[in-house]
C-alpha atoms as a PDB file:
ATOM      1  CA  MET A   1      -1.173   9.246  -3.767  1.00  0.00           C
ATOM      2  CA  PRO A   2      -1.312   8.981  -7.578  1.00  0.00           C
ATOM      3  CA  ARG A   3      -4.677   8.786  -9.314  1.00  0.00           C
ATOM      4  CA  SER A   4      -4.074   5.274 -10.604  1.00  0.00           C
ATOM      5  CA  SER A   5      -3.476   3.996  -7.060  1.00  0.00           C
ATOM      6  CA  LYS A   6      -6.765   5.482  -5.853  1.00  0.00           C
ATOM      7  CA  LYS A   7      -8.548   3.897  -8.797  1.00  0.00           C
ATOM      8  CA  ILE A   8      -7.097   0.450  -7.977  1.00  0.00           C
ATOM      9  CA  ILE A   9      -8.045   0.787  -4.305  1.00  0.00           C
ATOM     10  CA  ARG A  10     -11.644   1.713  -5.194  1.00  0.00           C
ATOM     11  CA  LYS A  11     -11.862  -1.204  -7.613  1.00  0.00           C
ATOM     12  CA  ASN A  12     -10.511  -3.669  -5.006  1.00  0.00           C
ATOM     13  CA  ARG A  13     -12.986  -2.454  -2.378  1.00  0.00           C
ATOM     14  CA  LEU A  14     -15.823  -3.150  -4.797  1.00  0.00           C
ATOM     15  CA  VAL A  15     -14.515  -6.637  -5.559  1.00  0.00           C
ATOM     16  CA  LEU A  16     -14.053  -7.451  -1.859  1.00  0.00           C
ATOM     17  CA  SER A  17     -17.518  -6.220  -0.950  1.00  0.00           C
ATOM     18  CA  GLU A  18     -19.048  -8.382  -3.727  1.00  0.00           C
ATOM     19  CA  TRP A  19     -16.984 -11.358  -2.577  1.00  0.00           C
ATOM     20  CA  LYS A  20     -18.405 -11.110   0.954  1.00  0.00           C
ATOM     21  CA  ARG A  21     -21.936 -11.448  -0.434  1.00  0.00           C
ATOM     22  CA  LEU A  22     -21.226 -14.607  -2.423  1.00  0.00           C
ATOM     23  CA  PRO A  23     -22.130 -17.936  -0.835  1.00  0.00           C
ATOM     24  CA  HIS A  24     -19.003 -20.008  -0.436  1.00  0.00           C
ATOM     25  CA  LYS A  25     -20.050 -23.631  -0.216  1.00  0.00           C
ATOM     26  CA  ASN A  26     -23.330 -25.454   0.107  1.00  0.00           C
ATOM     27  CA  HIS A  27     -22.164 -27.153   3.310  1.00  0.00           C
ATOM     28  CA  PRO A  28     -19.318 -25.228   4.985  1.00  0.00           C
ATOM     29  CA  LYS A  29     -19.391 -27.388   8.133  1.00  0.00           C
ATOM     30  CA  LEU A  30     -19.249 -30.604   6.097  1.00  0.00           C
ATOM     31  CA  ASP A  31     -16.367 -29.130   4.087  1.00  0.00           C
ATOM     32  CA  TYR A  32     -14.519 -28.412   7.325  1.00  0.00           C
ATOM     33  CA  TYR A  33     -14.976 -32.000   8.505  1.00  0.00           C
ATOM     34  CA  MET A  34     -13.833 -33.429   5.170  1.00  0.00           C
ATOM     35  CA  LEU A  35     -10.666 -31.326   5.224  1.00  0.00           C
ATOM     36  CA  PHE A  36     -10.042 -32.256   8.851  1.00  0.00           C
ATOM     37  CA  LEU A  37     -10.382 -35.961   8.031  1.00  0.00           C
ATOM     38  CA  ARG A  38      -8.124 -35.557   5.004  1.00  0.00           C
ATOM     39  CA  ASN A  39      -5.428 -33.930   7.114  1.00  0.00           C
ATOM     40  CA  PHE A  40      -5.884 -36.552   9.835  1.00  0.00           C
ATOM     41  CA  PHE A  41      -5.442 -39.389   7.318  1.00  0.00           C
ATOM     42  CA  VAL A  42      -2.357 -37.715   5.868  1.00  0.00           C
ATOM     43  CA  VAL A  43      -0.764 -37.421   9.306  1.00  0.00           C
ATOM     44  CA  ILE A  44      -1.570 -41.056  10.134  1.00  0.00           C
ATOM     45  CA  ALA A  45      -0.120 -42.216   6.784  1.00  0.00           C
ATOM     46  CA  VAL A  46       3.064 -40.222   7.345  1.00  0.00           C
ATOM     47  CA  LEU A  47       3.442 -41.616  10.866  1.00  0.00           C
ATOM     48  CA  LEU A  48       3.019 -45.176   9.586  1.00  0.00           C
ATOM     49  CA  PHE A  49       5.641 -44.597   6.894  1.00  0.00           C
ATOM     50  CA  LEU A  50       8.027 -43.149   9.496  1.00  0.00           C
ATOM     51  CA  ILE A  51       7.475 -46.070  11.861  1.00  0.00           C
ATOM     52  CA  GLU A  52       8.133 -48.505   9.023  1.00  0.00           C
ATOM     53  CA  PHE A  53      11.256 -46.591   8.063  1.00  0.00           C
ATOM     54  CA  LEU A  54      12.568 -46.519  11.641  1.00  0.00           C
ATOM     55  CA  LEU A  55      11.968 -50.271  12.007  1.00  0.00           C
ATOM     56  CA  HIS A  56      14.348 -50.770   9.053  1.00  0.00           C
ATOM     57  CA  GLY A  57      11.946 -52.329   6.582  1.00  0.00           C
ATOM     58  CA  GLY A  58      10.396 -55.725   6.442  1.00  0.00           C
ATOM     59  CA  HIS A  59       7.022 -54.453   7.652  1.00  0.00           C
ATOM     60  CA  ASP A  60       5.111 -54.390   4.399  1.00  0.00           C
ATOM     61  CA  THR A  61       1.761 -54.470   6.183  1.00  0.00           C
ATOM     62  CA  LEU A  62       2.458 -51.024   7.666  1.00  0.00           C
ATOM     63  CA  LYS A  63       3.263 -49.688   4.202  1.00  0.00           C
ATOM     64  CA  ALA A  64       0.078 -51.224   2.788  1.00  0.00           C
ATOM     65  CA  VAL A  65      -2.072 -49.677   5.513  1.00  0.00           C
ATOM     66  CA  ALA A  66      -0.327 -46.325   5.024  1.00  0.00           C
ATOM     67  CA  TYR A  67      -1.043 -46.418   1.289  1.00  0.00           C
ATOM     68  CA  PHE A  68      -4.717 -47.287   1.886  1.00  0.00           C
ATOM     69  CA  ILE A  69      -5.014 -44.421   4.363  1.00  0.00           C
ATOM     70  CA  GLY A  70      -3.307 -42.117   1.824  1.00  0.00           C
ATOM     71  CA  ALA A  71      -5.875 -43.185  -0.780  1.00  0.00           C
ATOM     72  CA  ALA A  72      -8.650 -42.345   1.703  1.00  0.00           C
ATOM     73  CA  ALA A  73      -7.081 -38.896   2.122  1.00  0.00           C
ATOM     74  CA  TYR A  74      -7.303 -38.416  -1.658  1.00  0.00           C
ATOM     75  CA  VAL A  75     -10.984 -39.430  -1.567  1.00  0.00           C
ATOM     76  CA  PHE A  76     -11.682 -36.740   1.021  1.00  0.00           C
ATOM     77  CA  GLU A  77      -9.660 -34.258  -1.052  1.00  0.00           C
ATOM     78  CA  CYS A  78     -11.831 -35.069  -4.065  1.00  0.00           C
ATOM     79  CA  LEU A  79     -15.021 -34.646  -2.019  1.00  0.00           C
ATOM     80  CA  ALA A  80     -13.813 -31.303  -0.664  1.00  0.00           C
ATOM     81  CA  ALA A  81     -12.652 -30.023  -4.062  1.00  0.00           C
ATOM     82  CA  THR A  82     -15.918 -30.892  -5.827  1.00  0.00           C
ATOM     83  CA  ASP A  83     -18.233 -30.040  -2.906  1.00  0.00           C
ATOM     84  CA  CYS A  84     -19.435 -33.666  -2.717  1.00  0.00           C
ATOM     85  CA  PHE A  85     -19.581 -33.866  -6.530  1.00  0.00           C
ATOM     86  CA  LYS A  86     -22.007 -30.934  -6.779  1.00  0.00           C
ATOM     87  CA  THR A  87     -19.492 -28.587  -8.404  1.00  0.00           C
ATOM     88  CA  LYS A  88     -17.846 -29.182 -11.766  1.00  0.00           C
ATOM     89  CA  VAL A  89     -14.085 -28.818 -11.412  1.00  0.00           C
ATOM     90  CA  SER A  90     -11.649 -28.959 -14.310  1.00  0.00           C
ATOM     91  CA  SER A  91      -9.729 -32.186 -14.738  1.00  0.00           C
ATOM     92  CA  SER A  92      -6.412 -30.317 -14.550  1.00  0.00           C
ATOM     93  CA  GLU A  93      -7.180 -29.425 -10.916  1.00  0.00           C
ATOM     94  CA  LEU A  94      -8.177 -33.004 -10.093  1.00  0.00           C
ATOM     95  CA  PHE A  95      -5.274 -34.647 -11.924  1.00  0.00           C
ATOM     96  CA  MET A  96      -3.332 -35.640  -8.797  1.00  0.00           C
ATOM     97  CA  ILE A  97      -6.457 -36.956  -7.100  1.00  0.00           C
ATOM     98  CA  TYR A  98      -7.418 -39.101 -10.077  1.00  0.00           C
ATOM     99  CA  CYS A  99      -3.882 -40.421 -10.621  1.00  0.00           C
ATOM    100  CA  PHE A 100      -2.458 -40.875  -7.150  1.00  0.00           C
ATOM    101  CA  GLY A 101      -5.589 -42.148  -5.384  1.00  0.00           C
ATOM    102  CA  PRO A 102      -5.816 -45.342  -7.514  1.00  0.00           C
ATOM    103  CA  LEU A 103      -2.015 -45.596  -7.534  1.00  0.00           C
ATOM    104  CA  TYR A 104      -1.981 -45.651  -3.727  1.00  0.00           C
ATOM    105  CA  ILE A 105      -4.612 -48.401  -3.748  1.00  0.00           C
ATOM    106  CA  LEU A 106      -2.563 -50.470  -6.206  1.00  0.00           C
ATOM    107  CA  MET A 107       0.606 -49.976  -4.180  1.00  0.00           C
ATOM    108  CA  GLY A 108      -1.232 -50.968  -1.004  1.00  0.00           C
ATOM    109  CA  ILE A 109      -2.452 -54.151  -2.676  1.00  0.00           C
ATOM    110  CA  ASP A 110       1.075 -54.822  -3.912  1.00  0.00           C
ATOM    111  CA  TYR A 111       2.589 -54.475  -0.430  1.00  0.00           C
ATOM    112  CA  MET A 112      -0.236 -56.469   1.144  1.00  0.00           C
ATOM    113  CA  PHE A 113      -0.160 -59.530  -1.086  1.00  0.00           C
ATOM    114  CA  PHE A 114       3.102 -59.659  -3.032  1.00  0.00           C
END
């Protein structure tokens, strides 16, 4: 094995051993539940959209509920990404959450009332 390969392997072992010592999250169990709820809400929203699609339209209430549930999924994504707002995360990583969460709420209101 070349010397450079051995050097890289030694360096990676050091990095991995340091990584194991770092605390990951303040509340790993809470993070698990938030991600589970996010995924659950996403699945429910997708199922509602599929049901509405298979019923050939005209069921705007199903779309509205699906959009509200999708917005709730984005709220849980935001909570998981920022560790319940305890961690500062760059706005470029939270761009979709900040844009699509309110957009889903507005679309849900649109389908519900108009």
